[in-house]
PDB file of N, CA and C in Angstrom:
ATOM      1  N   MET A   1       4.420  -3.745 -41.147  1.00  0.00           N
ATOM      2  CA  MET A   1       3.452  -3.290 -40.174  1.00  0.00           C
ATOM      3  C   MET A   1       3.081  -4.418 -39.220  1.00  0.00           C
ATOM      4  N   THR A   2       3.020  -5.647 -39.710  1.00  0.00           N
ATOM      5  CA  THR A   2       2.661  -6.773 -38.868  1.00  0.00           C
ATOM      6  C   THR A   2       3.731  -7.036 -37.830  1.00  0.00           C
ATOM      7  N   GLY A   3       4.990  -6.867 -38.194  1.00  0.00           N
ATOM      8  CA  GLY A   3       6.080  -7.075 -37.251  1.00  0.00           C
ATOM      9  C   GLY A   3       6.041  -6.077 -36.111  1.00  0.00           C
ATOM     10  N   ASN A   4       5.672  -4.842 -36.412  1.00  0.00           N
ATOM     11  CA  ASN A   4       5.576  -3.803 -35.386  1.00  0.00           C
ATOM     12  C   ASN A   4       4.460  -4.121 -34.396  1.00  0.00           C
ATOM     13  N   THR A   5       3.339  -4.599 -34.905  1.00  0.00           N
ATOM     14  CA  THR A   5       2.212  -4.953 -34.037  1.00  0.00           C
ATOM     15  C   THR A   5       2.576  -6.133 -33.151  1.00  0.00           C
ATOM     16  N   ALA A   6       3.276  -7.108 -33.722  1.00  0.00           N
ATOM     17  CA  ALA A   6       3.694  -8.266 -32.940  1.00  0.00           C
ATOM     18  C   ALA A   6       4.677  -7.850 -31.854  1.00  0.00           C
ATOM     19  N   GLY A   7       5.559  -6.917 -32.170  1.00  0.00           N
ATOM     20  CA  GLY A   7       6.512  -6.408 -31.182  1.00  0.00           C
ATOM     21  C   GLY A   7       5.811  -5.694 -30.038  1.00  0.00           C
ATOM     22  N   LYS A   8       4.797  -4.907 -30.371  1.00  0.00           N
ATOM     23  CA  LYS A   8       4.027  -4.206 -29.338  1.00  0.00           C
ATOM     24  C   LYS A   8       3.291  -5.200 -28.443  1.00  0.00           C
ATOM     25  N   ARG A   9       2.751  -6.247 -29.064  1.00  0.00           N
ATOM     26  CA  ARG A   9       2.035  -7.258 -28.281  1.00  0.00           C
ATOM     27  C   ARG A   9       2.977  -7.986 -27.339  1.00  0.00           C
ATOM     28  N   LYS A  10       4.172  -8.278 -27.812  1.00  0.00           N
ATOM     29  CA  LYS A  10       5.152  -8.962 -26.966  1.00  0.00           C
ATOM     30  C   LYS A  10       5.562  -8.074 -25.795  1.00  0.00           C
ATOM     31  N   LYS A  11       5.756  -6.801 -26.087  1.00  0.00           N
ATOM     32  CA  LYS A  11       6.129  -5.861 -25.022  1.00  0.00           C
ATOM     33  C   LYS A  11       5.002  -5.729 -24.000  1.00  0.00           C
ATOM     34  N   MET A  12       3.769  -5.660 -24.483  1.00  0.00           N
ATOM     35  CA  MET A  12       2.619  -5.549 -23.584  1.00  0.00           C
ATOM     36  C   MET A  12       2.496  -6.806 -22.735  1.00  0.00           C
ATOM     37  N   ALA A  13       2.682  -7.972 -23.351  1.00  0.00           N
ATOM     38  CA  ALA A  13       2.591  -9.227 -22.605  1.00  0.00           C
ATOM     39  C   ALA A  13       3.678  -9.298 -21.542  1.00  0.00           C
ATOM     40  N   ALA A  14       4.886  -8.852 -21.883  1.00  0.00           N
ATOM     41  CA  ALA A  14       5.985  -8.870 -20.915  1.00  0.00           C
ATOM     42  C   ALA A  14       5.703  -7.914 -19.756  1.00  0.00           C
ATOM     43  N   ALA A  15       5.170  -6.749 -20.066  1.00  0.00           N
ATOM     44  CA  ALA A  15       4.859  -5.775 -19.018  1.00  0.00           C
ATOM     45  C   ALA A  15       3.765  -6.316 -18.098  1.00  0.00           C
ATOM     46  N   LEU A  16       2.729  -6.920 -18.675  1.00  0.00           N
ATOM     47  CA  LEU A  16       1.647  -7.466 -17.860  1.00  0.00           C
ATOM     48  C   LEU A  16       2.132  -8.625 -17.006  1.00  0.00           C
ATOM     49  N   ALA A  17       3.026  -9.445 -17.548  1.00  0.00           N
ATOM     50  CA  ALA A  17       3.575 -10.558 -16.770  1.00  0.00           C
ATOM     51  C   ALA A  17       4.405 -10.036 -15.603  1.00  0.00           C
ATOM     52  N   ALA A  18       5.167  -8.971 -15.837  1.00  0.00           N
ATOM     53  CA  ALA A  18       5.993  -8.399 -14.775  1.00  0.00           C
ATOM     54  C   ALA A  18       5.119  -7.819 -13.668  1.00  0.00           C
ATOM     55  N   VAL A  19       4.058  -7.125 -14.042  1.00  0.00           N
ATOM     56  CA  VAL A  19       3.150  -6.550 -13.044  1.00  0.00           C
ATOM     57  C   VAL A  19       2.462  -7.660 -12.263  1.00  0.00           C
ATOM     58  N   SER A  20       2.035  -8.689 -12.958  1.00  0.00           N
ATOM     59  CA  SER A  20       1.380  -9.813 -12.294  1.00  0.00           C
ATOM     60  C   SER A  20       2.317 -10.488 -11.294  1.00  0.00           C
ATOM     61  N   LEU A  21       3.561 -10.694 -11.684  1.00  0.00           N
ATOM     62  CA  LEU A  21       4.542 -11.307 -10.796  1.00  0.00           C
ATOM     63  C   LEU A  21       4.791 -10.427  -9.575  1.00  0.00           C
ATOM     64  N   TYR A  22       4.894  -9.135  -9.793  1.00  0.00           N
ATOM     65  CA  TYR A  22       5.109  -8.201  -8.684  1.00  0.00           C
ATOM     66  C   TYR A  22       3.949  -8.262  -7.696  1.00  0.00           C
ATOM     67  N   LEU A  23       2.720  -8.259  -8.202  1.00  0.00           N
ATOM     68  CA  LEU A  23       1.558  -8.310  -7.319  1.00  0.00           C
ATOM     69  C   LEU A  23       1.506  -9.617  -6.544  1.00  0.00           C
ATOM     70  N   GLU A  24       1.877 -10.714  -7.176  1.00  0.00           N
ATOM     71  CA  GLU A  24       1.921 -12.005  -6.479  1.00  0.00           C
ATOM     72  C   GLU A  24       2.955 -11.986  -5.359  1.00  0.00           C
ATOM     73  N   GLN A  25       4.114 -11.385  -5.620  1.00  0.00           N
ATOM     74  CA  GLN A  25       5.155 -11.301  -4.602  1.00  0.00           C
ATOM     75  C   GLN A  25       4.711 -10.430  -3.440  1.00  0.00           C
ATOM     76  N   GLU A  26       4.040  -9.328  -3.721  1.00  0.00           N
ATOM     77  CA  GLU A  26       3.537  -8.448  -2.669  1.00  0.00           C
ATOM     78  C   GLU A  26       2.499  -9.177  -1.816  1.00  0.00           C
ATOM     79  N   GLU A  27       1.619  -9.920  -2.475  1.00  0.00           N
ATOM     80  CA  GLU A  27       0.601 -10.666  -1.746  1.00  0.00           C
ATOM     81  C   GLU A  27       1.230 -11.737  -0.859  1.00  0.00           C
ATOM     82  N   ALA A  28       2.250 -12.419  -1.377  1.00  0.00           N
ATOM     83  CA  ALA A  28       2.938 -13.444  -0.590  1.00  0.00           C
ATOM     84  C   ALA A  28       3.633 -12.819   0.616  1.00  0.00           C
ATOM     85  N   ALA A  29       4.225 -11.643   0.422  1.00  0.00           N
ATOM     86  CA  ALA A  29       4.901 -10.966   1.527  1.00  0.00           C
ATOM     87  C   ALA A  29       3.889 -10.545   2.596  1.00  0.00           C
ATOM     88  N   MET A  30       2.724 -10.065   2.173  1.00  0.00           N
ATOM     89  CA  MET A  30       1.689  -9.678   3.134  1.00  0.00           C
ATOM     90  C   MET A  30       1.184 -10.897   3.902  1.00  0.00           C
ATOM     91  N   ASP A  31       0.974 -12.013   3.207  1.00  0.00           N
ATOM     92  CA  ASP A  31       0.539 -13.235   3.876  1.00  0.00           C
ATOM     93  C   ASP A  31       1.568 -13.704   4.889  1.00  0.00           C
ATOM     94  N   GLU A  32       2.833 -13.611   4.513  1.00  0.00           N
ATOM     95  CA  GLU A  32       3.923 -14.019   5.405  1.00  0.00           C
ATOM     96  C   GLU A  32       3.961 -13.124   6.648  1.00  0.00           C
ATOM     97  N   GLN A  33       3.770 -11.843   6.443  1.00  0.00           N
ATOM     98  CA  GLN A  33       3.776 -10.905   7.564  1.00  0.00           C
ATOM     99  C   GLN A  33       2.590 -11.165   8.494  1.00  0.00           C
ATOM    100  N   LYS A  34       1.423 -11.416   7.933  1.00  0.00           N
ATOM    101  CA  LYS A  34       0.242 -11.710   8.752  1.00  0.00           C
ATOM    102  C   LYS A  34       0.459 -12.982   9.563  1.00  0.00           C
ATOM    103  N   GLU A  35       1.042 -13.979   8.912  1.00  0.00           N
ATOM    104  CA  GLU A  35       1.277 -15.245   9.606  1.00  0.00           C
ATOM    105  C   GLU A  35       2.264 -15.078  10.749  1.00  0.00           C
ATOM    106  N   SER A  36       3.306 -14.291  10.544  1.00  0.00           N
ATOM    107  CA  SER A  36       4.284 -14.085  11.608  1.00  0.00           C
ATOM    108  C   SER A  36       3.668 -13.317  12.776  1.00  0.00           C
ATOM    109  N   LEU A  37       2.751 -12.392  12.491  1.00  0.00           N
ATOM    110  CA  LEU A  37       2.076 -11.657  13.559  1.00  0.00           C
ATOM    111  C   LEU A  37       1.167 -12.568  14.362  1.00  0.00           C
ATOM    112  N   THR A  38       0.447 -13.464  13.694  1.00  0.00           N
ATOM    113  CA  THR A  38      -0.459 -14.346  14.410  1.00  0.00           C
ATOM    114  C   THR A  38       0.306 -15.394  15.212  1.00  0.00           C
ATOM    115  N   GLN A  39       1.459 -15.825  14.726  1.00  0.00           N
ATOM    116  CA  GLN A  39       2.252 -16.810  15.455  1.00  0.00           C
ATOM    117  C   GLN A  39       2.870 -16.195  16.706  1.00  0.00           C
ATOM    118  N   SER A  40       3.244 -14.938  16.630  1.00  0.00           N
ATOM    119  CA  SER A  40       3.888 -14.302  17.772  1.00  0.00           C
ATOM    120  C   SER A  40       2.868 -13.858  18.821  1.00  0.00           C
ATOM    121  N   GLY A  41       1.593 -13.874  18.461  1.00  0.00           N
ATOM    122  CA  GLY A  41       0.566 -13.442  19.400  1.00  0.00           C
ATOM    123  C   GLY A  41       0.380 -11.943  19.388  1.00  0.00           C
ATOM    124  N   ASN A  42       1.190 -11.234  18.632  1.00  0.00           N
ATOM    125  CA  ASN A  42       1.081  -9.790  18.530  1.00  0.00           C
ATOM    126  C   ASN A  42       0.114  -9.451  17.406  1.00  0.00           C
ATOM    127  N   THR A  43      -0.926  -8.714  17.695  1.00  0.00           N
ATOM    128  CA  THR A  43      -1.909  -8.366  16.674  1.00  0.00           C
ATOM    129  C   THR A  43      -1.489  -7.151  15.874  1.00  0.00           C
ATOM    130  N   GLY A  44      -0.447  -6.454  16.301  1.00  0.00           N
ATOM    131  CA  GLY A  44       0.011  -5.280  15.577  1.00  0.00           C
ATOM    132  C   GLY A  44      -0.736  -4.020  15.965  1.00  0.00           C
ATOM    133  N   LEU A  45      -1.707  -4.110  16.849  1.00  0.00           N
ATOM    134  CA  LEU A  45      -2.461  -2.941  17.276  1.00  0.00           C
ATOM    135  C   LEU A  45      -1.790  -2.306  18.485  1.00  0.00           C
ATOM    136  N   SER A  46      -1.655  -1.019  18.425  1.00  0.00           N
ATOM    137  CA  SER A  46      -1.085  -0.291  19.542  1.00  0.00           C
ATOM    138  C   SER A  46      -2.032   0.850  19.887  1.00  0.00           C
ATOM    139  N   TYR A  47      -2.601   0.788  21.062  1.00  0.00           N
ATOM    140  CA  TYR A  47      -3.540   1.834  21.444  1.00  0.00           C
ATOM    141  C   TYR A  47      -2.841   3.178  21.624  1.00  0.00           C
ATOM    142  N   TRP A  48      -1.598   3.144  22.078  1.00  0.00           N
ATOM    143  CA  TRP A  48      -0.843   4.392  22.207  1.00  0.00           C
ATOM    144  C   TRP A  48      -0.576   4.994  20.836  1.00  0.00           C
ATOM    145  N   GLY A  49      -0.209   4.161  19.892  1.00  0.00           N
ATOM    146  CA  GLY A  49       0.032   4.654  18.534  1.00  0.00           C
ATOM    147  C   GLY A  49      -1.226   5.214  17.909  1.00  0.00           C
ATOM    148  N   HIS A  50      -2.330   4.514  18.102  1.00  0.00           N
ATOM    149  CA  HIS A  50      -3.606   4.986  17.561  1.00  0.00           C
ATOM    150  C   HIS A  50      -3.991   6.329  18.187  1.00  0.00           C
ATOM    151  N   SER A  51      -3.798   6.432  19.482  1.00  0.00           N
ATOM    152  CA  SER A  51      -4.122   7.677  20.183  1.00  0.00           C
ATOM    153  C   SER A  51      -3.263   8.832  19.669  1.00  0.00           C
ATOM    154  N   GLY A  52      -1.980   8.563  19.441  1.00  0.00           N
ATOM    155  CA  GLY A  52      -1.088   9.609  18.941  1.00  0.00           C
ATOM    156  C   GLY A  52      -1.467  10.068  17.547  1.00  0.00           C
ATOM    157  N   ARG A  53      -1.815   9.108  16.674  1.00  0.00           N
ATOM    158  CA  ARG A  53      -2.222   9.487  15.321  1.00  0.00           C
ATOM    159  C   ARG A  53      -3.522  10.277  15.341  1.00  0.00           C
ATOM    160  N   GLN A  54      -4.437   9.892  16.210  1.00  0.00           N
ATOM    161  CA  GLN A  54      -5.696  10.615  16.328  1.00  0.00           C
ATOM    162  C   GLN A  54      -5.455  12.050  16.794  1.00  0.00           C
ATOM    163  N   GLU A  55      -4.554  12.219  17.752  1.00  0.00           N
ATOM    164  CA  GLU A  55      -4.221  13.556  18.255  1.00  0.00           C
ATOM    165  C   GLU A  55      -3.606  14.423  17.151  1.00  0.00           C
ATOM    166  N   MET A  56      -2.717  13.818  16.341  1.00  0.00           N
ATOM    167  CA  MET A  56      -2.111  14.578  15.234  1.00  0.00           C
ATOM    168  C   MET A  56      -3.173  15.010  14.223  1.00  0.00           C
ATOM    169  N   MET A  57      -4.127  14.124  13.921  1.00  0.00           N
ATOM    170  CA  MET A  57      -5.192  14.482  12.981  1.00  0.00           C
ATOM    171  C   MET A  57      -6.057  15.597  13.546  1.00  0.00           C
ATOM    172  N   ASP A  58      -6.344  15.535  14.835  1.00  0.00           N
ATOM    173  CA  ASP A  58      -7.141  16.586  15.462  1.00  0.00           C
ATOM    174  C   ASP A  58      -6.436  17.937  15.391  1.00  0.00           C
ATOM    175  N   MET A  59      -5.142  17.947  15.664  1.00  0.00           N
ATOM    176  CA  MET A  59      -4.389  19.206  15.615  1.00  0.00           C
ATOM    177  C   MET A  59      -4.333  19.758  14.194  1.00  0.00           C
ATOM    178  N   ARG A  60      -4.164  18.894  13.211  1.00  0.00           N
ATOM    179  CA  ARG A  60      -4.156  19.358  11.818  1.00  0.00           C
ATOM    180  C   ARG A  60      -5.510  19.948  11.442  1.00  0.00           C
ATOM    181  N   ARG A  61      -6.577  19.291  11.879  1.00  0.00           N
ATOM    182  CA  ARG A  61      -7.914  19.786  11.585  1.00  0.00           C
ATOM    183  C   ARG A  61      -8.131  21.161  12.214  1.00  0.00           C
ATOM    184  N   LEU A  62      -7.722  21.322  13.456  1.00  0.00           N
ATOM    185  CA  LEU A  62      -7.876  22.615  14.122  1.00  0.00           C
ATOM    186  C   LEU A  62      -7.044  23.691  13.438  1.00  0.00           C
ATOM    187  N   THR A  63      -5.826  23.326  13.011  1.00  0.00           N
ATOM    188  CA  THR A  63      -4.969  24.278  12.302  1.00  0.00           C
ATOM    189  C   THR A  63      -5.610  24.688  10.985  1.00  0.00           C
ATOM    190  N   GLN A  64      -6.213  23.741  10.279  1.00  0.00           N
ATOM    191  CA  GLN A  64      -6.860  24.053   9.013  1.00  0.00           C
ATOM    192  C   GLN A  64      -8.073  24.954   9.247  1.00  0.00           C
ATOM    193  N   LEU A  65      -8.825  24.673  10.283  1.00  0.00           N
ATOM    194  CA  LEU A  65      -9.984  25.518  10.573  1.00  0.00           C
ATOM    195  C   LEU A  65      -9.533  26.948  10.917  1.00  0.00           C
ATOM    196  N   ARG A  66      -8.439  27.064  11.635  1.00  0.00           N
ATOM    197  CA  ARG A  66      -7.926  28.385  11.991  1.00  0.00           C
ATOM    198  C   ARG A  66      -7.453  29.119  10.743  1.00  0.00           C
ATOM    199  N   ALA A  67      -6.826  28.393   9.803  1.00  0.00           N
ATOM    200  CA  ALA A  67      -6.329  29.015   8.579  1.00  0.00           C
ATOM    201  C   ALA A  67      -7.482  29.498   7.716  1.00  0.00           C
ATOM    202  N   ILE A  68      -8.601  28.818   7.736  1.00  0.00           N
ATOM    203  CA  ILE A  68      -9.757  29.228   6.942  1.00  0.00           C
ATOM    204  C   ILE A  68     -10.404  30.469   7.537  1.00  0.00           C
ATOM    205  N   ARG A  69     -10.411  30.550   8.861  1.00  0.00           N
ATOM    206  CA  ARG A  69     -11.065  31.658   9.536  1.00  0.00           C
ATOM    207  C   ARG A  69     -10.361  32.983   9.250  1.00  0.00           C
ATOM    208  N   TYR A  70      -9.033  32.999   9.173  1.00  0.00           N
ATOM    209  CA  TYR A  70      -8.306  34.255   9.001  1.00  0.00           C
ATOM    210  C   TYR A  70      -7.976  34.529   7.585  1.00  0.00           C
TER     211      TYR A  70
END
């Protein structure tokens, strides 16, 4: 029984280490992306893109309201 518990603990430790490593890599990639955006002078904001997404949300909302009414 002790060997089984030790095996489970090892598996849990390995899984937690893998998740931790993955999160660190994701964070490093995000930092790298932010740094490249600031160096290029591009903030990543697009007013046209924002306007288009807002329009799509408005149309979906109106469609949902119409579906509820009928």
